[in-house]
């Protein structure tokens, strides 16, 4: 009887500190290695840098395409651009000209 009382008293005294240590351990682990922890933050920053480079490349390509489209505007048609597009689509050339196909630029 005396032993049971001592065990139950010790268990009662240790329950709160053990629970507190478990909660602190859980949040500490989540703060370091969790889905939004320090390790994930470094991975997210590296992925963000890659995505920003991709975005910059796409924006450059978009500006180049918009410039070409503006040259083909029906109100102010650029004759050189029209000639370039027509020759490219029709694969025609003048006598004595040599056509060299180009690969698509990236």
PDB file of N, CA and C in Angstrom:
ATOM      1  N   UNK A   1       0.824  -1.182   0.000  1.00  0.00           N
ATOM      2  CA  UNK A   1       0.000   0.000   0.000  1.00  0.00           C
ATOM      3  C   UNK A   1       0.873   1.252   0.000  1.00  0.00           C
ATOM      4  N   UNK A   2       1.880   1.216   0.839  1.00  0.00           N
ATOM      5  CA  UNK A   2       2.758   2.347   0.940  1.00  0.00           C
ATOM      6  C   UNK A   2       3.528   2.547  -0.378  1.00  0.00           C
ATOM      7  N   UNK A   3       3.885   1.451  -1.031  1.00  0.00           N
ATOM      8  CA  UNK A   3       4.609   1.517  -2.286  1.00  0.00           C
ATOM      9  C   UNK A   3       3.717   2.098  -3.387  1.00  0.00           C
ATOM     10  N   UNK A   4       2.446   1.694  -3.391  1.00  0.00           N
ATOM     11  CA  UNK A   4       1.522   2.228  -4.391  1.00  0.00           C
ATOM     12  C   UNK A   4       1.349   3.723  -4.223  1.00  0.00           C
ATOM     13  N   UNK A   5       1.239   4.157  -3.024  1.00  0.00           N
ATOM     14  CA  UNK A   5       1.060   5.577  -2.770  1.00  0.00           C
ATOM     15  C   UNK A   5       2.278   6.351  -3.249  1.00  0.00           C
ATOM     16  N   UNK A   6       3.472   5.842  -3.010  1.00  0.00           N
ATOM     17  CA  UNK A   6       4.700   6.505  -3.420  1.00  0.00           C
ATOM     18  C   UNK A   6       4.789   6.564  -4.958  1.00  0.00           C
ATOM     19  N   UNK A   7       4.414   5.472  -5.642  1.00  0.00           N
ATOM     20  CA  UNK A   7       4.457   5.439  -7.101  1.00  0.00           C
ATOM     21  C   UNK A   7       3.445   6.437  -7.662  1.00  0.00           C
ATOM     22  N   UNK A   8       2.256   6.465  -7.142  1.00  0.00           N
ATOM     23  CA  UNK A   8       1.237   7.386  -7.652  1.00  0.00           C
ATOM     24  C   UNK A   8       1.617   8.833  -7.369  1.00  0.00           C
ATOM     25  N   UNK A   9       2.257   9.112  -6.235  1.00  0.00           N
ATOM     26  CA  UNK A   9       2.704  10.474  -5.953  1.00  0.00           C
ATOM     27  C   UNK A   9       3.823  10.886  -6.909  1.00  0.00           C
ATOM     28  N   UNK A  10       4.771   9.998  -7.139  1.00  0.00           N
ATOM     29  CA  UNK A  10       5.862  10.301  -8.065  1.00  0.00           C
ATOM     30  C   UNK A  10       5.348  10.468  -9.492  1.00  0.00           C
ATOM     31  N   UNK A  11       4.405   9.633  -9.876  1.00  0.00           N
ATOM     32  CA  UNK A  11       3.833   9.764 -11.211  1.00  0.00           C
ATOM     33  C   UNK A  11       3.111  11.101 -11.344  1.00  0.00           C
ATOM     34  N   UNK A  12       2.387  11.507 -10.342  1.00  0.00           N
ATOM     35  CA  UNK A  12       1.687  12.793 -10.364  1.00  0.00           C
ATOM     36  C   UNK A  12       2.660  13.957 -10.441  1.00  0.00           C
ATOM     37  N   UNK A  13       3.777  13.861  -9.777  1.00  0.00           N
ATOM     38  CA  UNK A  13       4.766  14.925  -9.795  1.00  0.00           C
ATOM     39  C   UNK A  13       5.498  14.986 -11.146  1.00  0.00           C
ATOM     40  N   UNK A  14       5.691  13.867 -11.798  1.00  0.00           N
ATOM     41  CA  UNK A  14       6.435  13.813 -13.048  1.00  0.00           C
ATOM     42  C   UNK A  14       5.565  14.009 -14.286  1.00  0.00           C
ATOM     43  N   UNK A  15       4.271  13.895 -14.166  1.00  0.00           N
ATOM     44  CA  UNK A  15       3.391  13.955 -15.336  1.00  0.00           C
ATOM     45  C   UNK A  15       3.472  15.318 -16.025  1.00  0.00           C
ATOM     46  N   UNK A  16       3.366  16.372 -15.284  1.00  0.00           N
ATOM     47  CA  UNK A  16       3.373  17.710 -15.889  1.00  0.00           C
ATOM     48  C   UNK A  16       4.728  18.026 -16.537  1.00  0.00           C
ATOM     49  N   UNK A  17       5.868  17.796 -15.898  1.00  0.00           N
ATOM     50  CA  UNK A  17       7.141  18.069 -16.565  1.00  0.00           C
ATOM     51  C   UNK A  17       7.357  17.204 -17.823  1.00  0.00           C
ATOM     52  N   UNK A  18       6.928  15.952 -17.780  1.00  0.00           N
ATOM     53  CA  UNK A  18       7.085  15.077 -18.945  1.00  0.00           C
ATOM     54  C   UNK A  18       6.237  15.584 -20.098  1.00  0.00           C
ATOM     55  N   UNK A  19       5.021  15.980 -19.828  1.00  0.00           N
ATOM     56  CA  UNK A  19       4.137  16.521 -20.872  1.00  0.00           C
ATOM     57  C   UNK A  19       4.715  17.812 -21.437  1.00  0.00           C
ATOM     58  N   UNK A  20       5.223  18.669 -20.550  1.00  0.00           N
ATOM     59  CA  UNK A  20       5.835  19.924 -21.015  1.00  0.00           C
ATOM     60  C   UNK A  20       7.058  19.659 -21.887  1.00  0.00           C
ATOM     61  N   UNK A  21       7.895  18.709 -21.506  1.00  0.00           N
ATOM     62  CA  UNK A  21       9.070  18.369 -22.318  1.00  0.00           C
ATOM     63  C   UNK A  21       8.656  17.811 -23.668  1.00  0.00           C
ATOM     64  N   UNK A  22       7.598  17.017 -23.695  1.00  0.00           N
ATOM     65  CA  UNK A  22       7.119  16.461 -24.961  1.00  0.00           C
ATOM     66  C   UNK A  22       6.606  17.566 -25.882  1.00  0.00           C
ATOM     67  N   UNK A  23       5.867  18.522 -25.337  1.00  0.00           N
ATOM     68  CA  UNK A  23       5.342  19.636 -26.140  1.00  0.00           C
ATOM     69  C   UNK A  23       6.486  20.504 -26.658  1.00  0.00           C
ATOM     70  N   UNK A  24       7.448  20.805 -25.802  1.00  0.00           N
ATOM     71  CA  UNK A  24       8.597  21.615 -26.221  1.00  0.00           C
ATOM     72  C   UNK A  24       9.404  20.876 -27.296  1.00  0.00           C
ATOM     73  N   UNK A  25       9.591  19.577 -27.118  1.00  0.00           N
ATOM     74  CA  UNK A  25      10.303  18.781 -28.114  1.00  0.00           C
ATOM     75  C   UNK A  25       9.578  18.759 -29.458  1.00  0.00           C
ATOM     76  N   UNK A  26       8.256  18.637 -29.415  1.00  0.00           N
ATOM     77  CA  UNK A  26       7.471  18.615 -30.658  1.00  0.00           C
ATOM     78  C   UNK A  26       7.610  19.937 -31.408  1.00  0.00           C
ATOM     79  N   UNK A  27       7.402  21.041 -30.714  1.00  0.00           N
ATOM     80  CA  UNK A  27       7.486  22.345 -31.385  1.00  0.00           C
ATOM     81  C   UNK A  27       8.927  22.685 -31.787  1.00  0.00           C
ATOM     82  N   UNK A  28       9.903  22.246 -30.999  1.00  0.00           N
ATOM     83  CA  UNK A  28      11.299  22.460 -31.374  1.00  0.00           C
ATOM     84  C   UNK A  28      11.654  21.712 -32.653  1.00  0.00           C
ATOM     85  N   UNK A  29      11.220  20.472 -32.750  1.00  0.00           N
ATOM     86  CA  UNK A  29      11.473  19.693 -33.957  1.00  0.00           C
ATOM     87  C   UNK A  29      10.755  20.313 -35.159  1.00  0.00           C
ATOM     88  N   UNK A  30       9.515  20.713 -34.966  1.00  0.00           N
ATOM     89  CA  UNK A  30       8.761  21.330 -36.062  1.00  0.00           C
ATOM     90  C   UNK A  30       9.403  22.633 -36.512  1.00  0.00           C
ATOM     91  N   UNK A  31       9.966  23.375 -35.585  1.00  0.00           N
ATOM     92  CA  UNK A  31      10.614  24.638 -35.930  1.00  0.00           C
ATOM     93  C   UNK A  31      11.901  24.461 -36.717  1.00  0.00           C
ATOM     94  N   UNK A  32      12.538  23.322 -36.567  1.00  0.00           N
ATOM     95  CA  UNK A  32      13.800  23.086 -37.275  1.00  0.00           C
ATOM     96  C   UNK A  32      13.591  22.237 -38.526  1.00  0.00           C
ATOM     97  N   UNK A  33      12.943  21.096 -38.383  1.00  0.00           N
ATOM     98  CA  UNK A  33      12.853  20.152 -39.501  1.00  0.00           C
ATOM     99  C   UNK A  33      11.429  19.975 -40.023  1.00  0.00           C
ATOM    100  N   UNK A  34      10.496  20.758 -39.558  1.00  0.00           N
ATOM    101  CA  UNK A  34       9.119  20.627 -40.012  1.00  0.00           C
ATOM    102  C   UNK A  34       8.898  21.200 -41.397  1.00  0.00           C
ATOM    103  N   UNK A  35       7.665  21.154 -41.858  1.00  0.00           N
ATOM    104  CA  UNK A  35       7.358  21.614 -43.213  1.00  0.00           C
ATOM    105  C   UNK A  35       7.568  23.120 -43.379  1.00  0.00           C
ATOM    106  N   UNK A  36       7.564  23.876 -42.301  1.00  0.00           N
ATOM    107  CA  UNK A  36       7.824  25.312 -42.362  1.00  0.00           C
ATOM    108  C   UNK A  36       8.993  25.714 -41.475  1.00  0.00           C
ATOM    109  N   UNK A  37       9.898  24.779 -41.245  1.00  0.00           N
ATOM    110  CA  UNK A  37      11.035  25.021 -40.370  1.00  0.00           C
ATOM    111  C   UNK A  37      12.212  25.645 -41.092  1.00  0.00           C
ATOM    112  N   UNK A  38      13.334  25.691 -40.394  1.00  0.00           N
ATOM    113  CA  UNK A  38      14.537  26.317 -40.931  1.00  0.00           C
ATOM    114  C   UNK A  38      15.079  25.572 -42.150  1.00  0.00           C
ATOM    115  N   UNK A  39      15.042  24.265 -42.133  1.00  0.00           N
ATOM    116  CA  UNK A  39      15.538  23.481 -43.263  1.00  0.00           C
ATOM    117  C   UNK A  39      14.662  23.728 -44.491  1.00  0.00           C
ATOM    118  N   UNK A  40      13.359  23.727 -44.306  1.00  0.00           N
ATOM    119  CA  UNK A  40      12.434  23.970 -45.417  1.00  0.00           C
ATOM    120  C   UNK A  40      12.572  25.400 -45.939  1.00  0.00           C
ATOM    121  N   UNK A  41      12.937  26.324 -45.080  1.00  0.00           N
ATOM    122  CA  UNK A  41      13.107  27.714 -45.511  1.00  0.00           C
ATOM    123  C   UNK A  41      14.273  27.834 -46.493  1.00  0.00           C
ATOM    124  N   UNK A  42      15.363  27.161 -46.203  1.00  0.00           N
ATOM    125  CA  UNK A  42      16.516  27.187 -47.110  1.00  0.00           C
ATOM    126  C   UNK A  42      16.161  26.566 -48.460  1.00  0.00           C
ATOM    127  N   UNK A  43      15.436  25.455 -48.429  1.00  0.00           N
ATOM    128  CA  UNK A  43      15.004  24.817 -49.676  1.00  0.00           C
ATOM    129  C   UNK A  43      14.069  25.737 -50.454  1.00  0.00           C
ATOM    130  N   UNK A  44      13.185  26.415 -49.746  1.00  0.00           N
ATOM    131  CA  UNK A  44      12.243  27.323 -50.400  1.00  0.00           C
ATOM    132  C   UNK A  44      12.966  28.503 -51.041  1.00  0.00           C
ATOM    133  N   UNK A  45      13.981  29.013 -50.380  1.00  0.00           N
ATOM    134  CA  UNK A  45      14.735  30.138 -50.938  1.00  0.00           C
ATOM    135  C   UNK A  45      15.501  29.720 -52.190  1.00  0.00           C
ATOM    136  N   UNK A  46      16.050  28.518 -52.193  1.00  0.00           N
ATOM    137  CA  UNK A  46      16.759  28.031 -53.382  1.00  0.00           C
ATOM    138  C   UNK A  46      15.789  27.846 -54.538  1.00  0.00           C
ATOM    139  N   UNK A  47      14.620  27.297 -54.267  1.00  0.00           N
ATOM    140  CA  UNK A  47      13.612  27.110 -55.317  1.00  0.00           C
ATOM    141  C   UNK A  47      13.102  28.459 -55.816  1.00  0.00           C
ATOM    142  N   UNK A  48      12.969  29.426 -54.924  1.00  0.00           N
ATOM    143  CA  UNK A  48      12.527  30.761 -55.328  1.00  0.00           C
ATOM    144  C   UNK A  48      13.532  31.400 -56.277  1.00  0.00           C
ATOM    145  N   UNK A  49      14.813  31.242 -56.010  1.00  0.00           N
ATOM    146  CA  UNK A  49      15.843  31.806 -56.889  1.00  0.00           C
ATOM    147  C   UNK A  49      15.763  31.186 -58.278  1.00  0.00           C
ATOM    148  N   UNK A  50      15.547  29.880 -58.347  1.00  0.00           N
ATOM    149  CA  UNK A  50      15.426  29.205 -59.648  1.00  0.00           C
ATOM    150  C   UNK A  50      14.192  29.720 -60.385  1.00  0.00           C
ATOM    151  N   UNK A  51      13.093  29.831 -59.677  1.00  0.00           N
ATOM    152  CA  UNK A  51      11.839  30.302 -60.303  1.00  0.00           C
ATOM    153  C   UNK A  51      11.959  31.747 -60.774  1.00  0.00           C
ATOM    154  N   UNK A  52      12.683  32.576 -60.026  1.00  0.00           N
ATOM    155  CA  UNK A  52      12.862  33.968 -60.446  1.00  0.00           C
ATOM    156  C   UNK A  52      13.704  34.043 -61.712  1.00  0.00           C
ATOM    157  N   UNK A  53      14.704  33.183 -61.840  1.00  0.00           N
ATOM    158  CA  UNK A  53      15.491  33.141 -63.071  1.00  0.00           C
ATOM    159  C   UNK A  53      14.629  32.701 -64.249  1.00  0.00           C
ATOM    160  N   UNK A  54      13.776  31.697 -64.020  1.00  0.00           N
ATOM    161  CA  UNK A  54      12.864  31.252 -65.075  1.00  0.00           C
ATOM    162  C   UNK A  54      11.922  32.373 -65.482  1.00  0.00           C
ATOM    163  N   UNK A  55      11.410  33.102 -64.496  1.00  0.00           N
ATOM    164  CA  UNK A  55      10.498  34.212 -64.783  1.00  0.00           C
ATOM    165  C   UNK A  55      11.193  35.298 -65.588  1.00  0.00           C
ATOM    166  N   UNK A  56      12.424  35.632 -65.227  1.00  0.00           N
ATOM    167  CA  UNK A  56      13.161  36.659 -65.960  1.00  0.00           C
ATOM    168  C   UNK A  56      13.377  36.235 -67.412  1.00  0.00           C
ATOM    169  N   UNK A  57      13.702  34.960 -67.631  1.00  0.00           N
ATOM    170  CA  UNK A  57      13.897  34.454 -68.995  1.00  0.00           C
ATOM    171  C   UNK A  57      12.590  34.531 -69.787  1.00  0.00           C
ATOM    172  N   UNK A  58      11.494  34.134 -69.176  1.00  0.00           N
ATOM    173  CA  UNK A  58      10.199  34.197 -69.854  1.00  0.00           C
ATOM    174  C   UNK A  58       9.795  35.630 -70.169  1.00  0.00           C
ATOM    175  N   UNK A  59      10.110  36.547 -69.265  1.00  0.00           N
ATOM    176  CA  UNK A  59       9.776  37.948 -69.517  1.00  0.00           C
ATOM    177  C   UNK A  59      10.598  38.503 -70.673  1.00  0.00           C
ATOM    178  N   UNK A  60      11.878  38.109 -70.778  1.00  0.00           N
ATOM    179  CA  UNK A  60      12.688  38.534 -71.923  1.00  0.00           C
ATOM    180  C   UNK A  60      12.122  37.986 -73.234  1.00  0.00           C
ATOM    181  N   UNK A  61      11.742  36.710 -73.230  1.00  0.00           N
ATOM    182  CA  UNK A  61      11.157  36.122 -74.431  1.00  0.00           C
ATOM    183  C   UNK A  61       9.856  36.816 -74.798  1.00  0.00           C
ATOM    184  N   UNK A  62       9.048  37.134 -73.791  1.00  0.00           N
ATOM    185  CA  UNK A  62       7.775  37.806 -74.043  1.00  0.00           C
ATOM    186  C   UNK A  62       8.006  39.185 -74.660  1.00  0.00           C
ATOM    187  N   UNK A  63       8.978  39.938 -74.124  1.00  0.00           N
ATOM    188  CA  UNK A  63       9.264  41.258 -74.689  1.00  0.00           C
ATOM    189  C   UNK A  63       9.725  41.149 -76.141  1.00  0.00           C
ATOM    190  N   UNK A  64      10.544  40.136 -76.435  1.00  0.00           N
ATOM    191  CA  UNK A  64      11.010  39.944 -77.818  1.00  0.00           C
ATOM    192  C   UNK A  64       9.842  39.612 -78.736  1.00  0.00           C
ATOM    193  N   UNK A  65       8.946  38.759 -78.276  1.00  0.00           N
ATOM    194  CA  UNK A  65       7.770  38.418 -79.087  1.00  0.00           C
ATOM    195  C   UNK A  65       6.844  39.622 -79.262  1.00  0.00           C
ATOM    196  N   UNK A  66       6.664  40.395 -78.215  1.00  0.00           N
ATOM    197  CA  UNK A  66       5.814  41.585 -78.322  1.00  0.00           C
ATOM    198  C   UNK A  66       6.411  42.588 -79.302  1.00  0.00           C
ATOM    199  N   UNK A  67       7.725  42.690 -79.330  1.00  0.00           N
ATOM    200  CA  UNK A  67       8.371  43.591 -80.274  1.00  0.00           C
ATOM    201  C   UNK A  67       8.133  43.117 -81.705  1.00  0.00           C
ATOM    202  N   UNK A  68       8.282  41.810 -81.926  1.00  0.00           N
ATOM    203  CA  UNK A  68       8.027  41.280 -83.272  1.00  0.00           C
ATOM    204  C   UNK A  68       6.568  41.473 -83.673  1.00  0.00           C
ATOM    205  N   UNK A  69       5.662  41.299 -82.741  1.00  0.00           N
ATOM    206  CA  UNK A  69       4.236  41.494 -83.030  1.00  0.00           C
ATOM    207  C   UNK A  69       3.963  42.950 -83.358  1.00  0.00           C
ATOM    208  N   UNK A  70       4.606  43.859 -82.619  1.00  0.00           N
ATOM    209  CA  UNK A  70       4.379  45.284 -82.898  1.00  0.00           C
ATOM    210  C   UNK A  70       4.898  45.659 -84.285  1.00  0.00           C
ATOM    211  N   UNK A  71       5.941  44.968 -84.760  1.00  0.00           N
ATOM    212  CA  UNK A  71       6.437  45.239 -86.109  1.00  0.00           C
ATOM    213  C   UNK A  71       5.468  44.739 -87.179  1.00  0.00           C
ATOM    214  N   UNK A  72       4.636  43.764 -86.826  1.00  0.00           N
ATOM    215  CA  UNK A  72       3.660  43.233 -87.773  1.00  0.00           C
ATOM    216  C   UNK A  72       2.295  43.899 -87.618  1.00  0.00           C
ATOM    217  N   UNK A  73       2.217  44.960 -86.875  1.00  0.00           N
ATOM    218  CA  UNK A  73       0.963  45.675 -86.677  1.00  0.00           C
ATOM    219  C   UNK A  73       0.438  46.175 -88.023  1.00  0.00           C
ATOM    220  N   UNK A  74      -0.847  46.010 -88.262  1.00  0.00           N
ATOM    221  CA  UNK A  74      -1.422  46.362 -89.562  1.00  0.00           C
ATOM    222  C   UNK A  74      -1.428  47.872 -89.811  1.00  0.00           C
ATOM    223  N   UNK A  75      -1.405  48.677 -88.777  1.00  0.00           N
ATOM    224  CA  UNK A  75      -1.416  50.134 -88.960  1.00  0.00           C
ATOM    225  C   UNK A  75      -0.051  50.654 -89.403  1.00  0.00           C
ATOM    226  N   UNK A  76       1.007  50.047 -88.910  1.00  0.00           N
ATOM    227  CA  UNK A  76       2.363  50.498 -89.256  1.00  0.00           C
ATOM    228  C   UNK A  76       3.202  49.271 -89.562  1.00  0.00           C
ATOM    229  N   UNK A  77       2.971  48.669 -90.701  1.00  0.00           N
ATOM    230  CA  UNK A  77       3.638  47.437 -91.071  1.00  0.00           C
ATOM    231  C   UNK A  77       5.077  47.705 -91.510  1.00  0.00           C
ATOM    232  N   UNK A  78       6.015  46.991 -90.920  1.00  0.00           N
ATOM    233  CA  UNK A  78       7.427  47.124 -91.265  1.00  0.00           C
ATOM    234  C   UNK A  78       7.717  46.233 -92.477  1.00  0.00           C
ATOM    235  N   UNK A  79       8.133  46.787 -93.596  1.00  0.00           N
ATOM    236  CA  UNK A  79       8.340  45.982 -94.804  1.00  0.00           C
ATOM    237  C   UNK A  79       9.404  44.903 -94.632  1.00  0.00           C
ATOM    238  N   UNK A  80      10.445  45.194 -93.881  1.00  0.00           N
ATOM    239  CA  UNK A  80      11.489  44.189 -93.669  1.00  0.00           C
ATOM    240  C   UNK A  80      10.956  42.993 -92.886  1.00  0.00           C
ATOM    241  N   UNK A  81      10.151  43.284 -91.872  1.00  0.00           N
ATOM    242  CA  UNK A  81       9.584  42.199 -91.074  1.00  0.00           C
ATOM    243  C   UNK A  81       8.612  41.378 -91.918  1.00  0.00           C
ATOM    244  N   UNK A  82       7.813  42.045 -92.723  1.00  0.00           N
ATOM    245  CA  UNK A  82       6.874  41.346 -93.592  1.00  0.00           C
ATOM    246  C   UNK A  82       7.623  40.425 -94.546  1.00  0.00           C
ATOM    247  N   UNK A  83       8.705  40.923 -95.132  1.00  0.00           N
ATOM    248  CA  UNK A  83       9.501  40.133 -96.058  1.00  0.00           C
ATOM    249  C   UNK A  83      10.116  38.924 -95.344  1.00  0.00           C
ATOM    250  N   UNK A  84      10.620  39.143 -94.128  1.00  0.00           N
ATOM    251  CA  UNK A  84      11.228  38.057 -93.370  1.00  0.00           C
ATOM    252  C   UNK A  84      10.205  36.963 -93.050  1.00  0.00           C
ATOM    253  N   UNK A  85       9.030  37.371 -92.611  1.00  0.00           N
ATOM    254  CA  UNK A  85       7.994  36.399 -92.251  1.00  0.00           C
ATOM    255  C   UNK A  85       7.509  35.659 -93.496  1.00  0.00           C
ATOM    256  N   UNK A  86       7.297  36.393 -94.593  1.00  0.00           N
ATOM    257  CA  UNK A  86       6.812  35.756 -95.818  1.00  0.00           C
ATOM    258  C   UNK A  86       7.824  34.748 -96.343  1.00  0.00           C
ATOM    259  N   UNK A  87       9.084  35.098 -96.353  1.00  0.00           N
ATOM    260  CA  UNK A  87      10.108  34.172 -96.837  1.00  0.00           C
ATOM    261  C   UNK A  87      10.215  32.953 -95.923  1.00  0.00           C
ATOM    262  N   UNK A  88      10.088  33.181 -94.654  1.00  0.00           N
ATOM    263  CA  UNK A  88      10.166  32.058 -93.718  1.00  0.00           C
ATOM    264  C   UNK A  88       9.003  31.104 -93.867  1.00  0.00           C
ATOM    265  N   UNK A  89       7.823  31.629 -94.073  1.00  0.00           N
ATOM    266  CA  UNK A  89       6.641  30.777 -94.173  1.00  0.00           C
ATOM    267  C   UNK A  89       6.544  30.105 -95.537  1.00  0.00           C
ATOM    268  N   UNK A  90       6.918  30.805 -96.581  1.00  0.00           N
ATOM    269  CA  UNK A  90       6.766  30.278 -97.932  1.00  0.00           C
ATOM    270  C   UNK A  90       8.020  29.582 -98.440  1.00  0.00           C
ATOM    271  N   UNK A  91       9.113  29.722 -97.718  1.00  0.00           N
ATOM    272  CA  UNK A  91      10.397  29.143 -98.123  1.00  0.00           C
ATOM    273  C   UNK A  91      10.763  29.560 -99.545  1.00  0.00           C
ATOM    274  N   UNK A  92      10.544  30.808 -99.848  1.00  0.00           N
ATOM    275  CA  UNK A  92      10.874  31.311-101.175  1.00  0.00           C
ATOM    276  C   UNK A  92      12.101  32.205-101.079  1.00  0.00           C
ATOM    277  N   UNK A  93      12.816  32.276-102.186  1.00  0.00           N
ATOM    278  CA  UNK A  93      13.967  33.168-102.246  1.00  0.00           C
ATOM    279  C   UNK A  93      14.104  33.675-103.669  1.00  0.00           C
ATOM    280  N   UNK A  94      14.908  34.684-103.822  1.00  0.00           N
ATOM    281  CA  UNK A  94      15.164  35.249-105.144  1.00  0.00           C
ATOM    282  C   UNK A  94      16.263  34.431-105.830  1.00  0.00           C
ATOM    283  N   UNK A  95      16.382  34.552-107.136  1.00  0.00           N
ATOM    284  CA  UNK A  95      17.464  33.827-107.816  1.00  0.00           C
ATOM    285  C   UNK A  95      18.827  34.290-107.309  1.00  0.00           C
ATOM    286  N   UNK A  96      19.691  33.349-107.038  1.00  0.00           N
ATOM    287  CA  UNK A  96      21.024  33.662-106.554  1.00  0.00           C
ATOM    288  C   UNK A  96      21.112  33.723-105.029  1.00  0.00           C
ATOM    289  N   UNK A  97      20.000  33.663-104.308  1.00  0.00           N
ATOM    290  CA  UNK A  97      20.016  33.686-102.843  1.00  0.00           C
ATOM    291  C   UNK A  97      20.100  32.265-102.316  1.00  0.00           C
ATOM    292  N   UNK A  98      20.726  32.139-101.192  1.00  0.00           N
ATOM    293  CA  UNK A  98      20.820  30.846-100.536  1.00  0.00           C
ATOM    294  C   UNK A  98      20.092  30.961 -99.207  1.00  0.00           C
ATOM    295  N   UNK A  99      19.160  30.057 -98.949  1.00  0.00           N
ATOM    296  CA  UNK A  99      18.400  30.063 -97.699  1.00  0.00           C
ATOM    297  C   UNK A  99      19.052  29.102 -96.722  1.00  0.00           C
ATOM    298  N   UNK A 100      19.337  29.594 -95.545  1.00  0.00           N
ATOM    299  CA  UNK A 100      19.937  28.768 -94.502  1.00  0.00           C
ATOM    300  C   UNK A 100      18.929  28.714 -93.358  1.00  0.00           C
ATOM    301  N   UNK A 101      18.320  27.554 -93.125  1.00  0.00           N
ATOM    302  CA  UNK A 101      17.337  27.465 -92.034  1.00  0.00           C
ATOM    303  C   UNK A 101      18.024  27.586 -90.677  1.00  0.00           C
ATOM    304  N   UNK A 102      17.357  28.280 -89.768  1.00  0.00           N
ATOM    305  CA  UNK A 102      17.896  28.453 -88.416  1.00  0.00           C
ATOM    306  C   UNK A 102      17.082  27.642 -87.443  1.00  0.00           C
ATOM    307  N   UNK A 103      17.760  27.250 -86.392  1.00  0.00           N
ATOM    308  CA  UNK A 103      17.033  26.565 -85.317  1.00  0.00           C
ATOM    309  C   UNK A 103      16.297  27.615 -84.502  1.00  0.00           C
ATOM    310  N   UNK A 104      15.230  27.184 -83.835  1.00  0.00           N
ATOM    311  CA  UNK A 104      14.467  28.102 -82.979  1.00  0.00           C
ATOM    312  C   UNK A 104      15.356  28.577 -81.843  1.00  0.00           C
ATOM    313  N   UNK A 105      15.316  29.875 -81.559  1.00  0.00           N
ATOM    314  CA  UNK A 105      16.124  30.446 -80.479  1.00  0.00           C
ATOM    315  C   UNK A 105      15.420  30.245 -79.163  1.00  0.00           C
ATOM    316  N   UNK A 106      16.224  30.013 -78.138  1.00  0.00           N
ATOM    317  CA  UNK A 106      15.644  29.834 -76.797  1.00  0.00           C
ATOM    318  C   UNK A 106      16.021  30.973 -75.928  1.00  0.00           C
TER     319      UNK A 106
END
